[in-house]
Amino acid sequence: MFREYGPIYLPCSISGVLLCLWTAFIAEQTFVLADRHSYSASDTLIGAGPIIGTLAVLLWLLAGQVSKAQS
């Protein structure tokens, strides 16, 4: 699903691309929801930042585990 290129992982199959797109969609919806209920840019970052960061770390960890299992 993913191939390692230094510290990042790039999707090399359709399932990897779909997983990345799904994660990006959830992150975008989280940002929109946080922005809808905030009054400033810092409110938006405080509301959406931790969730989007957690999504990114989870995707990175999953990609690392899958790429090591393939080799």
C-alpha atoms as a PDB file:
ATOM      1  CA  MET A   1       0.000   0.000   0.000  1.00  0.00           C
ATOM      2  CA  PHE A   2       2.788   2.456   0.856  1.00  0.00           C
ATOM      3  CA  ARG A   3       6.430   2.824  -0.121  1.00  0.00           C
ATOM      4  CA  GLU A   4       9.004   4.479   2.139  1.00  0.00           C
ATOM      5  CA  TYR A   5      10.907   7.519   0.828  1.00  0.00           C
ATOM      6  CA  GLY A   6      13.027   8.761   3.710  1.00  0.00           C
ATOM      7  CA  PRO A   7      10.808   9.906   6.576  1.00  0.00           C
ATOM      8  CA  ILE A   8       7.625   9.952   4.460  1.00  0.00           C
ATOM      9  CA  TYR A   9       5.497   7.242   2.894  1.00  0.00           C
ATOM     10  CA  LEU A  10       3.879   7.525  -0.517  1.00  0.00           C
ATOM     11  CA  PRO A  11       0.898   5.439  -1.563  1.00  0.00           C
ATOM     12  CA  CYS A  12       1.749   2.916  -4.271  1.00  0.00           C
ATOM     13  CA  SER A  13      -1.645   1.218  -4.657  1.00  0.00           C
ATOM     14  CA  ILE A  14      -5.230   2.285  -5.088  1.00  0.00           C
ATOM     15  CA  SER A  15      -6.064   1.341  -1.503  1.00  0.00           C
ATOM     16  CA  GLY A  16      -3.248   3.578  -0.223  1.00  0.00           C
ATOM     17  CA  VAL A  17      -4.491   6.482  -2.332  1.00  0.00           C
ATOM     18  CA  LEU A  18      -8.056   5.946  -1.111  1.00  0.00           C
ATOM     19  CA  LEU A  19      -6.878   5.876   2.505  1.00  0.00           C
ATOM     20  CA  CYS A  20      -5.010   9.161   2.001  1.00  0.00           C
ATOM     21  CA  LEU A  21      -8.032  10.766   0.322  1.00  0.00           C
ATOM     22  CA  TRP A  22     -10.352   9.567   3.103  1.00  0.00           C
ATOM     23  CA  THR A  23      -8.004  10.997   5.752  1.00  0.00           C
ATOM     24  CA  ALA A  24      -7.804  14.311   3.867  1.00  0.00           C
ATOM     25  CA  PHE A  25     -11.605  14.429   3.624  1.00  0.00           C
ATOM     26  CA  ILE A  26     -12.018  13.870   7.377  1.00  0.00           C
ATOM     27  CA  ALA A  27      -9.371  16.531   8.097  1.00  0.00           C
ATOM     28  CA  GLU A  28     -11.100  19.015   5.782  1.00  0.00           C
ATOM     29  CA  GLN A  29     -14.500  18.396   7.370  1.00  0.00           C
ATOM     30  CA  THR A  30     -12.964  18.805  10.827  1.00  0.00           C
ATOM     31  CA  PHE A  31     -11.452  22.130   9.781  1.00  0.00           C
ATOM     32  CA  VAL A  32     -14.751  23.367   8.330  1.00  0.00           C
ATOM     33  CA  LEU A  33     -16.653  22.357  11.468  1.00  0.00           C
ATOM     34  CA  ALA A  34     -14.112  24.021  13.764  1.00  0.00           C
ATOM     35  CA  ASP A  35     -14.084  27.161  11.599  1.00  0.00           C
ATOM     36  CA  ARG A  36     -17.875  27.395  11.659  1.00  0.00           C
ATOM     37  CA  HIS A  37     -17.916  27.702  15.455  1.00  0.00           C
ATOM     38  CA  SER A  38     -14.862  29.919  15.940  1.00  0.00           C
ATOM     39  CA  TYR A  39     -14.403  33.660  16.141  1.00  0.00           C
ATOM     40  CA  SER A  40     -10.746  33.936  15.123  1.00  0.00           C
ATOM     41  CA  ALA A  41      -7.991  32.075  13.339  1.00  0.00           C
ATOM     42  CA  SER A  42      -6.518  30.910  16.629  1.00  0.00           C
ATOM     43  CA  ASP A  43      -9.893  29.445  17.662  1.00  0.00           C
ATOM     44  CA  THR A  44      -9.934  27.474  14.412  1.00  0.00           C
ATOM     45  CA  LEU A  45      -6.401  26.169  14.944  1.00  0.00           C
ATOM     46  CA  ILE A  46      -7.083  25.258  18.563  1.00  0.00           C
ATOM     47  CA  GLY A  47     -10.265  23.436  17.567  1.00  0.00           C
ATOM     48  CA  ALA A  48      -9.018  21.594  14.477  1.00  0.00           C
ATOM     49  CA  GLY A  49      -5.259  21.316  15.029  1.00  0.00           C
ATOM     50  CA  PRO A  50      -5.157  18.468  17.547  1.00  0.00           C
ATOM     51  CA  ILE A  51      -7.607  16.330  15.573  1.00  0.00           C
ATOM     52  CA  ILE A  52      -5.891  16.899  12.234  1.00  0.00           C
ATOM     53  CA  GLY A  53      -2.496  16.277  13.839  1.00  0.00           C
ATOM     54  CA  THR A  54      -3.745  13.027  15.331  1.00  0.00           C
ATOM     55  CA  LEU A  55      -5.119  11.922  11.953  1.00  0.00           C
ATOM     56  CA  ALA A  56      -1.781  12.683  10.294  1.00  0.00           C
ATOM     57  CA  VAL A  57       0.197  10.751  12.907  1.00  0.00           C
ATOM     58  CA  LEU A  58      -2.156   7.764  12.707  1.00  0.00           C
ATOM     59  CA  LEU A  59      -1.860   7.668   8.906  1.00  0.00           C
ATOM     60  CA  TRP A  60       1.933   7.944   9.159  1.00  0.00           C
ATOM     61  CA  LEU A  61       2.118   5.097  11.701  1.00  0.00           C
ATOM     62  CA  LEU A  62      -0.192   2.890   9.644  1.00  0.00           C
ATOM     63  CA  ALA A  63       1.811   3.555   6.484  1.00  0.00           C
ATOM     64  CA  GLY A  64       5.023   2.686   8.327  1.00  0.00           C
ATOM     65  CA  GLN A  65       3.654  -0.603   9.578  1.00  0.00           C
ATOM     66  CA  VAL A  66       2.228  -1.592   6.200  1.00  0.00           C
ATOM     67  CA  SER A  67       5.395  -0.687   4.298  1.00  0.00           C
ATOM     68  CA  LYS A  68       7.541  -2.772   6.681  1.00  0.00           C
ATOM     69  CA  ALA A  69       5.164  -5.715   6.377  1.00  0.00           C
ATOM     70  CA  GLN A  70       5.503  -5.636   2.565  1.00  0.00           C
ATOM     71  CA  SER A  71       9.294  -5.839   2.560  1.00  0.00           C
END
